[in-house]
PDB file of N, CA and C in Angstrom:
ATOM      1  N   CYS A   1      81.406  86.855  39.458  1.00  0.00           N
ATOM      2  CA  CYS A   1      81.156  85.687  40.374  1.00  0.00           C
ATOM      3  C   CYS A   1      79.713  85.043  40.326  1.00  0.00           C
ATOM      4  N   VAL A   2      78.908  85.508  39.390  1.00  0.00           N
ATOM      5  CA  VAL A   2      77.627  84.960  38.857  1.00  0.00           C
ATOM      6  C   VAL A   2      77.579  83.349  38.677  1.00  0.00           C
ATOM      7  N   ASP A   3      77.255  82.590  39.062  1.00  0.00           N
ATOM      8  CA  ASP A   3      76.657  81.201  39.074  1.00  0.00           C
ATOM      9  C   ASP A   3      76.505  80.858  37.734  1.00  0.00           C
ATOM     10  N   ASP A   4      76.327  79.632  37.655  1.00  0.00           N
ATOM     11  CA  ASP A   4      76.077  78.899  36.294  1.00  0.00           C
ATOM     12  C   ASP A   4      74.309  78.915  36.223  1.00  0.00           C
ATOM     13  N   ASP A   5      73.964  79.070  37.356  1.00  0.00           N
ATOM     14  CA  ASP A   5      72.319  79.021  37.264  1.00  0.00           C
ATOM     15  C   ASP A   5      71.999  80.503  37.442  1.00  0.00           C
ATOM     16  N   VAL A   6      71.855  81.344  36.540  1.00  0.00           N
ATOM     17  CA  VAL A   6      71.718  82.802  36.509  1.00  0.00           C
ATOM     18  C   VAL A   6      70.458  82.884  37.278  1.00  0.00           C
ATOM     19  N   LYS A   7      69.617  82.197  37.014  1.00  0.00           N
ATOM     20  CA  LYS A   7      68.205  82.479  37.165  1.00  0.00           C
ATOM     21  C   LYS A   7      67.996  82.406  38.778  1.00  0.00           C
ATOM     22  N   LYS A   8      69.055  81.366  39.431  1.00  0.00           N
ATOM     23  CA  LYS A   8      68.461  81.369  40.951  1.00  0.00           C
ATOM     24  C   LYS A   8      69.848  82.494  41.501  1.00  0.00           C
ATOM     25  N   TRP A   9      70.640  82.666  41.044  1.00  0.00           N
ATOM     26  CA  TRP A   9      71.716  83.541  41.307  1.00  0.00           C
ATOM     27  C   TRP A   9      70.689  85.043  41.440  1.00  0.00           C
ATOM     28  N   CYS A  10      69.937  85.351  40.151  1.00  0.00           N
ATOM     29  CA  CYS A  10      69.345  86.757  40.361  1.00  0.00           C
ATOM     30  C   CYS A  10      68.294  86.591  41.353  1.00  0.00           C
ATOM     31  N   ARG A  11      67.743  85.611  41.923  1.00  0.00           N
ATOM     32  CA  ARG A  11      66.587  85.820  42.607  1.00  0.00           C
ATOM     33  C   ARG A  11      67.360  85.579  44.394  1.00  0.00           C
ATOM     34  N   GLU A  12      68.513  84.873  44.389  1.00  0.00           N
ATOM     35  CA  GLU A  12      69.341  85.139  45.758  1.00  0.00           C
ATOM     36  C   GLU A  12      70.081  86.246  46.256  1.00  0.00           C
ATOM     37  N   TYR A  13      70.655  87.026  44.881  1.00  0.00           N
ATOM     38  CA  TYR A  13      71.882  87.938  45.114  1.00  0.00           C
ATOM     39  C   TYR A  13      71.134  89.438  44.941  1.00  0.00           C
ATOM     40  N   SER A  14      71.791  90.167  45.698  1.00  0.00           N
ATOM     41  CA  SER A  14      71.359  91.832  44.954  1.00  0.00           C
ATOM     42  C   SER A  14      72.649  92.570  45.017  1.00  0.00           C
ATOM     43  N   VAL A  15      72.541  93.749  44.402  1.00  0.00           N
ATOM     44  CA  VAL A  15      74.101  94.514  44.182  1.00  0.00           C
ATOM     45  C   VAL A  15      73.943  95.518  44.735  1.00  0.00           C
ATOM     46  N   ILE A  16      74.822  96.165  45.978  1.00  0.00           N
ATOM     47  CA  ILE A  16      74.736  97.274  46.869  1.00  0.00           C
ATOM     48  C   ILE A  16      75.971  98.020  46.405  1.00  0.00           C
ATOM     49  N   PHE A  17      75.649  99.042  46.170  1.00  0.00           N
ATOM     50  CA  PHE A  17      76.760 100.329  45.568  1.00  0.00           C
ATOM     51  C   PHE A  17      77.280 100.594  46.791  1.00  0.00           C
ATOM     52  N   ASP A  18      78.348 101.276  46.703  1.00  0.00           N
ATOM     53  CA  ASP A  18      79.170 101.790  47.720  1.00  0.00           C
ATOM     54  C   ASP A  18      79.271 101.146  48.704  1.00  0.00           C
ATOM     55  N   TYR A  19      79.520  99.845  49.166  1.00  0.00           N
ATOM     56  CA  TYR A  19      79.838  99.190  49.888  1.00  0.00           C
ATOM     57  C   TYR A  19      81.259  98.694  50.365  1.00  0.00           C
ATOM     58  N   THR A  20      81.546  98.980  51.684  1.00  0.00           N
ATOM     59  CA  THR A  20      83.112  98.670  52.139  1.00  0.00           C
ATOM     60  C   THR A  20      82.809  98.120  53.254  1.00  0.00           C
ATOM     61  N   GLN A  21      83.724  96.867  53.740  1.00  0.00           N
ATOM     62  CA  GLN A  21      83.941  96.185  54.738  1.00  0.00           C
ATOM     63  C   GLN A  21      83.388  96.842  55.923  1.00  0.00           C
ATOM     64  N   GLY A  22      82.412  96.462  57.028  1.00  0.00           N
ATOM     65  CA  GLY A  22      82.197  97.474  58.252  1.00  0.00           C
ATOM     66  C   GLY A  22      81.189  98.646  57.968  1.00  0.00           C
ATOM     67  N   ALA A  23      81.293  99.002  56.826  1.00  0.00           N
ATOM     68  CA  ALA A  23      80.364 100.207  56.696  1.00  0.00           C
ATOM     69  C   ALA A  23      78.909  99.979  56.728  1.00  0.00           C
ATOM     70  N   GLU A  24      78.057 100.797  57.263  1.00  0.00           N
ATOM     71  CA  GLU A  24      76.309 100.923  57.423  1.00  0.00           C
ATOM     72  C   GLU A  24      75.943 100.766  56.192  1.00  0.00           C
ATOM     73  N   ILE A  25      75.014  99.599  55.671  1.00  0.00           N
ATOM     74  CA  ILE A  25      74.409  99.773  54.246  1.00  0.00           C
ATOM     75  C   ILE A  25      73.392 100.372  53.945  1.00  0.00           C
ATOM     76  N   LYS A  26      73.148 101.396  53.270  1.00  0.00           N
ATOM     77  CA  LYS A  26      72.136 102.158  52.873  1.00  0.00           C
ATOM     78  C   LYS A  26      70.924 101.500  52.100  1.00  0.00           C
ATOM     79  N   LYS A  27      69.811 101.430  52.607  1.00  0.00           N
ATOM     80  CA  LYS A  27      68.871 100.967  52.034  1.00  0.00           C
ATOM     81  C   LYS A  27      68.522 101.083  50.138  1.00  0.00           C
ATOM     82  N   SER A  28      68.673 102.493  49.959  1.00  0.00           N
ATOM     83  CA  SER A  28      68.628 103.004  48.817  1.00  0.00           C
ATOM     84  C   SER A  28      70.071 102.618  48.066  1.00  0.00           C
ATOM     85  N   ASN A  29      70.991 101.806  48.434  1.00  0.00           N
ATOM     86  CA  ASN A  29      71.953 101.464  47.701  1.00  0.00           C
ATOM     87  C   ASN A  29      71.940 100.362  47.388  1.00  0.00           C
ATOM     88  N   ILE A  30      70.819  99.507  47.608  1.00  0.00           N
ATOM     89  CA  ILE A  30      70.326  97.744  47.536  1.00  0.00           C
ATOM     90  C   ILE A  30      69.646  97.942  46.242  1.00  0.00           C
ATOM     91  N   TYR A  31      69.994  97.239  45.437  1.00  0.00           N
ATOM     92  CA  TYR A  31      69.472  97.076  43.975  1.00  0.00           C
ATOM     93  C   TYR A  31      69.327  95.548  43.812  1.00  0.00           C
ATOM     94  N   ASN A  32      67.930  94.991  43.339  1.00  0.00           N
ATOM     95  CA  ASN A  32      67.717  93.467  43.304  1.00  0.00           C
ATOM     96  C   ASN A  32      68.104  93.299  41.633  1.00  0.00           C
ATOM     97  N   CYS A  33      68.113  92.131  41.431  1.00  0.00           N
ATOM     98  CA  CYS A  33      68.951  91.674  40.006  1.00  0.00           C
ATOM     99  C   CYS A  33      67.485  91.315  39.193  1.00  0.00           C
ATOM    100  N   LYS A  34      67.049  91.910  37.787  1.00  0.00           N
ATOM    101  CA  LYS A  34      66.027  91.607  37.191  1.00  0.00           C
ATOM    102  C   LYS A  34      66.059  90.330  36.253  1.00  0.00           C
ATOM    103  N   GLU A  35      67.447  90.512  35.613  1.00  0.00           N
ATOM    104  CA  GLU A  35      67.913  89.581  34.635  1.00  0.00           C
ATOM    105  C   GLU A  35      69.587  89.625  34.605  1.00  0.00           C
ATOM    106  N   VAL A  36      69.809  88.311  34.371  1.00  0.00           N
ATOM    107  CA  VAL A  36      71.716  88.522  33.879  1.00  0.00           C
ATOM    108  C   VAL A  36      71.238  88.486  32.465  1.00  0.00           C
ATOM    109  N   VAL A  37      71.941  89.733  31.841  1.00  0.00           N
ATOM    110  CA  VAL A  37      71.670  89.570  30.667  1.00  0.00           C
ATOM    111  C   VAL A  37      73.130  89.042  29.848  1.00  0.00           C
ATOM    112  N   TYR A  38      74.216  88.918  30.459  1.00  0.00           N
ATOM    113  CA  TYR A  38      75.380  88.357  29.875  1.00  0.00           C
ATOM    114  C   TYR A  38      76.371  87.779  30.884  1.00  0.00           C
ATOM    115  N   ARG A  39      76.579  86.783  30.873  1.00  0.00           N
ATOM    116  CA  ARG A  39      77.539  86.038  31.890  1.00  0.00           C
ATOM    117  C   ARG A  39      78.442  85.260  31.099  1.00  0.00           C
ATOM    118  N   ASN A  40      79.997  85.406  31.137  1.00  0.00           N
ATOM    119  CA  ASN A  40      81.079  84.592  30.645  1.00  0.00           C
ATOM    120  C   ASN A  40      82.357  84.715  31.983  1.00  0.00           C
ATOM    121  N   PHE A  41      82.422  83.158  32.242  1.00  0.00           N
ATOM    122  CA  PHE A  41      83.683  82.949  33.024  1.00  0.00           C
ATOM    123  C   PHE A  41      84.471  82.032  32.901  1.00  0.00           C
ATOM    124  N   GLU A  42      85.659  82.612  32.250  1.00  0.00           N
ATOM    125  CA  GLU A  42      86.439  81.281  31.663  1.00  0.00           C
ATOM    126  C   GLU A  42      87.815  81.878  32.543  1.00  0.00           C
ATOM    127  N   MET A  43      88.061  80.797  33.517  1.00  0.00           N
ATOM    128  CA  MET A  43      89.304  80.538  34.279  1.00  0.00           C
ATOM    129  C   MET A  43      90.012  79.914  33.489  1.00  0.00           C
ATOM    130  N   PRO A  44      91.523  80.280  33.967  1.00  0.00           N
ATOM    131  CA  PRO A  44      91.817  81.083  34.958  1.00  0.00           C
ATOM    132  C   PRO A  44      92.426  82.599  34.712  1.00  0.00           C
ATOM    133  N   PHE A  45      92.248  82.646  33.202  1.00  0.00           N
ATOM    134  CA  PHE A  45      93.067  83.881  32.850  1.00  0.00           C
ATOM    135  C   PHE A  45      92.184  84.492  31.356  1.00  0.00           C
ATOM    136  N   GLY A  46      90.809  84.025  31.363  1.00  0.00           N
ATOM    137  CA  GLY A  46      89.705  84.612  30.152  1.00  0.00           C
ATOM    138  C   GLY A  46      89.058  85.388  30.702  1.00  0.00           C
ATOM    139  N   GLU A  47      88.038  85.434  30.211  1.00  0.00           N
ATOM    140  CA  GLU A  47      86.941  86.746  30.780  1.00  0.00           C
ATOM    141  C   GLU A  47      86.460  86.365  31.915  1.00  0.00           C
ATOM    142  N   ASP A  48      85.693  87.264  32.950  1.00  0.00           N
ATOM    143  CA  ASP A  48      85.024  87.061  34.122  1.00  0.00           C
ATOM    144  C   ASP A  48      84.172  88.388  33.949  1.00  0.00           C
ATOM    145  N   LEU A  49      82.631  88.263  33.226  1.00  0.00           N
ATOM    146  CA  LEU A  49      82.187  89.421  33.447  1.00  0.00           C
ATOM    147  C   LEU A  49      80.882  88.824  33.468  1.00  0.00           C
ATOM    148  N   ALA A  50      79.804  90.117  33.990  1.00  0.00           N
ATOM    149  CA  ALA A  50      78.665  89.417  34.162  1.00  0.00           C
ATOM    150  C   ALA A  50      77.921  90.968  33.877  1.00  0.00           C
ATOM    151  N   LEU A  51      76.975  91.299  32.876  1.00  0.00           N
ATOM    152  CA  LEU A  51      75.840  92.044  32.672  1.00  0.00           C
ATOM    153  C   LEU A  51      74.475  91.875  33.553  1.00  0.00           C
ATOM    154  N   ILE A  52      74.418  92.718  34.554  1.00  0.00           N
ATOM    155  CA  ILE A  52      73.075  92.740  35.492  1.00  0.00           C
ATOM    156  C   ILE A  52      72.025  93.660  34.945  1.00  0.00           C
ATOM    157  N   LYS A  53      70.870  93.238  34.773  1.00  0.00           N
ATOM    158  CA  LYS A  53      69.825  94.297  34.609  1.00  0.00           C
ATOM    159  C   LYS A  53      69.170  94.079  36.046  1.00  0.00           C
ATOM    160  N   LEU A  54      69.283  95.701  36.482  1.00  0.00           N
ATOM    161  CA  LEU A  54      68.575  95.806  37.842  1.00  0.00           C
ATOM    162  C   LEU A  54      67.124  96.035  37.686  1.00  0.00           C
ATOM    163  N   THR A  55      66.344  95.691  38.431  1.00  0.00           N
ATOM    164  CA  THR A  55      64.796  96.470  38.887  1.00  0.00           C
ATOM    165  C   THR A  55      64.538  97.510  38.635  1.00  0.00           C
ATOM    166  N   ARG A  56      65.526  98.387  39.205  1.00  0.00           N
ATOM    167  CA  ARG A  56      65.318  99.985  39.430  1.00  0.00           C
ATOM    168  C   ARG A  56      66.319 100.545  38.470  1.00  0.00           C
ATOM    169  N   LYS A  57      66.204 101.859  37.999  1.00  0.00           N
ATOM    170  CA  LYS A  57      66.993 102.855  37.311  1.00  0.00           C
ATOM    171  C   LYS A  57      67.899 103.556  38.535  1.00  0.00           C
ATOM    172  N   VAL A  58      69.114 103.268  38.482  1.00  0.00           N
ATOM    173  CA  VAL A  58      70.381 103.624  38.843  1.00  0.00           C
ATOM    174  C   VAL A  58      70.308 105.369  38.777  1.00  0.00           C
ATOM    175  N   VAL A  59      69.932 106.399  39.377  1.00  0.00           N
ATOM    176  CA  VAL A  59      70.166 107.789  39.245  1.00  0.00           C
ATOM    177  C   VAL A  59      71.190 108.560  39.645  1.00  0.00           C
ATOM    178  N   ASP A  60      71.897 108.081  40.418  1.00  0.00           N
ATOM    179  CA  ASP A  60      73.187 108.989  41.214  1.00  0.00           C
ATOM    180  C   ASP A  60      74.281 108.541  41.013  1.00  0.00           C
ATOM    181  N   ARG A  61      74.493 108.379  39.569  1.00  0.00           N
ATOM    182  CA  ARG A  61      76.019 108.048  39.489  1.00  0.00           C
ATOM    183  C   ARG A  61      75.842 107.409  37.788  1.00  0.00           C
ATOM    184  N   THR A  62      77.331 107.571  37.417  1.00  0.00           N
ATOM    185  CA  THR A  62      77.917 107.804  35.828  1.00  0.00           C
ATOM    186  C   THR A  62      77.738 106.291  35.793  1.00  0.00           C
ATOM    187  N   PRO A  63      77.470 105.779  34.528  1.00  0.00           N
ATOM    188  CA  PRO A  63      77.805 104.491  33.979  1.00  0.00           C
ATOM    189  C   PRO A  63      79.385 104.345  33.539  1.00  0.00           C
ATOM    190  N   VAL A  64      80.084 103.382  33.789  1.00  0.00           N
ATOM    191  CA  VAL A  64      81.364 103.210  33.421  1.00  0.00           C
ATOM    192  C   VAL A  64      81.144 103.018  31.854  1.00  0.00           C
ATOM    193  N   GLN A  65      82.080 103.489  31.024  1.00  0.00           N
ATOM    194  CA  GLN A  65      82.166 103.501  29.788  1.00  0.00           C
ATOM    195  C   GLN A  65      83.105 102.069  29.226  1.00  0.00           C
ATOM    196  N   ILE A  66      82.445 101.283  28.200  1.00  0.00           N
ATOM    197  CA  ILE A  66      83.057 100.009  28.237  1.00  0.00           C
ATOM    198  C   ILE A  66      83.903 100.060  26.688  1.00  0.00           C
ATOM    199  N   ALA A  67      85.090 100.008  26.712  1.00  0.00           N
ATOM    200  CA  ALA A  67      85.913  99.635  25.301  1.00  0.00           C
ATOM    201  C   ALA A  67      85.285  98.775  24.614  1.00  0.00           C
ATOM    202  N   LYS A  68      85.377  99.305  23.202  1.00  0.00           N
ATOM    203  CA  LYS A  68      84.518  98.504  22.317  1.00  0.00           C
ATOM    204  C   LYS A  68      86.088  97.688  21.420  1.00  0.00           C
ATOM    205  N   THR A  69      87.063  98.171  21.933  1.00  0.00           N
ATOM    206  CA  THR A  69      88.332  97.775  20.917  1.00  0.00           C
ATOM    207  C   THR A  69      89.355  97.420  22.358  1.00  0.00           C
ATOM    208  N   ALA A  70      90.357  96.590  21.795  1.00  0.00           N
ATOM    209  CA  ALA A  70      91.398  95.758  22.214  1.00  0.00           C
ATOM    210  C   ALA A  70      91.948  97.122  22.834  1.00  0.00           C
ATOM    211  N   VAL A  71      92.914  96.884  24.553  1.00  0.00           N
ATOM    212  CA  VAL A  71      93.747  98.021  24.623  1.00  0.00           C
ATOM    213  C   VAL A  71      95.252  97.621  24.259  1.00  0.00           C
ATOM    214  N   HIS A  72      95.804  98.845  24.087  1.00  0.00           N
ATOM    215  CA  HIS A  72      96.951  98.902  23.539  1.00  0.00           C
ATOM    216  C   HIS A  72      98.146  99.224  24.219  1.00  0.00           C
ATOM    217  N   MET A  73      99.301  98.974  24.286  1.00  0.00           N
ATOM    218  CA  MET A  73     100.341  98.877  25.093  1.00  0.00           C
ATOM    219  C   MET A  73     100.447 100.515  25.194  1.00  0.00           C
ATOM    220  N   GLY A  74     100.852 101.036  26.847  1.00  0.00           N
ATOM    221  CA  GLY A  74     100.818 102.945  26.855  1.00  0.00           C
ATOM    222  C   GLY A  74      99.173 103.312  26.985  1.00  0.00           C
ATOM    223  N   GLU A  75      98.226 102.888  26.995  1.00  0.00           N
ATOM    224  CA  GLU A  75      96.869 103.442  27.126  1.00  0.00           C
ATOM    225  C   GLU A  75      96.849 103.071  28.799  1.00  0.00           C
ATOM    226  N   LYS A  76      95.778 103.861  28.965  1.00  0.00           N
ATOM    227  CA  LYS A  76      95.700 103.858  30.540  1.00  0.00           C
ATOM    228  C   LYS A  76      94.194 102.754  31.004  1.00  0.00           C
ATOM    229  N   LEU A  77      94.355 101.892  31.867  1.00  0.00           N
ATOM    230  CA  LEU A  77      93.659 101.288  32.214  1.00  0.00           C
ATOM    231  C   LEU A  77      93.195 101.102  33.673  1.00  0.00           C
ATOM    232  N   SER A  78      91.939 100.841  33.870  1.00  0.00           N
ATOM    233  CA  SER A  78      91.552 100.900  35.218  1.00  0.00           C
ATOM    234  C   SER A  78      90.610  99.499  35.436  1.00  0.00           C
ATOM    235  N   MET A  79      90.560  99.245  36.609  1.00  0.00           N
ATOM    236  CA  MET A  79      90.137  97.749  36.931  1.00  0.00           C
ATOM    237  C   MET A  79      89.538  97.548  38.383  1.00  0.00           C
ATOM    238  N   ILE A  80      88.426  97.047  38.414  1.00  0.00           N
ATOM    239  CA  ILE A  80      87.476  96.844  39.776  1.00  0.00           C
ATOM    240  C   ILE A  80      87.527  95.661  40.370  1.00  0.00           C
ATOM    241  N   GLY A  81      87.552  95.474  41.244  1.00  0.00           N
ATOM    242  CA  GLY A  81      87.496  94.333  41.892  1.00  0.00           C
ATOM    243  C   GLY A  81      88.865  93.701  42.004  1.00  0.00           C
ATOM    244  N   TYR A  82      88.957  91.903  42.685  1.00  0.00           N
ATOM    245  CA  TYR A  82      90.328  91.403  42.844  1.00  0.00           C
ATOM    246  C   TYR A  82      89.840  89.926  42.869  1.00  0.00           C
ATOM    247  N   PRO A  83      90.573  89.085  42.105  1.00  0.00           N
ATOM    248  CA  PRO A  83      89.977  87.587  41.744  1.00  0.00           C
ATOM    249  C   PRO A  83      89.830  86.821  43.028  1.00  0.00           C
ATOM    250  N   LEU A  84      90.769  87.303  44.368  1.00  0.00           N
ATOM    251  CA  LEU A  84      90.266  86.690  45.368  1.00  0.00           C
ATOM    252  C   LEU A  84      89.426  86.975  46.150  1.00  0.00           C
ATOM    253  N   GLY A  85      87.925  87.989  45.788  1.00  0.00           N
ATOM    254  CA  GLY A  85      86.756  88.253  46.333  1.00  0.00           C
ATOM    255  C   GLY A  85      87.164  89.353  47.552  1.00  0.00           C
ATOM    256  N   ILE A  86      87.865  90.543  47.515  1.00  0.00           N
ATOM    257  CA  ILE A  86      87.869  91.256  48.721  1.00  0.00           C
ATOM    258  C   ILE A  86      86.530  92.125  48.602  1.00  0.00           C
ATOM    259  N   PRO A  87      86.205  92.512  49.675  1.00  0.00           N
ATOM    260  CA  PRO A  87      85.175  93.049  49.909  1.00  0.00           C
ATOM    261  C   PRO A  87      84.309  94.472  49.492  1.00  0.00           C
ATOM    262  N   GLN A  88      85.176  95.254  48.831  1.00  0.00           N
ATOM    263  CA  GLN A  88      85.036  96.392  47.843  1.00  0.00           C
ATOM    264  C   GLN A  88      84.984  95.996  46.764  1.00  0.00           C
ATOM    265  N   LYS A  89      84.131  96.415  46.157  1.00  0.00           N
ATOM    266  CA  LYS A  89      84.042  96.104  44.327  1.00  0.00           C
ATOM    267  C   LYS A  89      83.863  97.110  43.970  1.00  0.00           C
TER     268      LYS A  89
END
């Protein structure tokens, strides 16, 4: 969901960890964007991905491992998010 104007997006939006609709947001879970390192949005069925550098280090969780090869039939796959923008990511 990162717009074409990545510099504006980075100034106007923050990343919030552990957000769920209706839940209280902890200040410690709010991270500001420093830079959009990579962005590609190819609709309707292409890549929809952004890599965002934050202004401070995230210390209380393990980063997601990103595959460097294609997924093959029968392999386990996890997915985060939803194309219509539900509030838990």
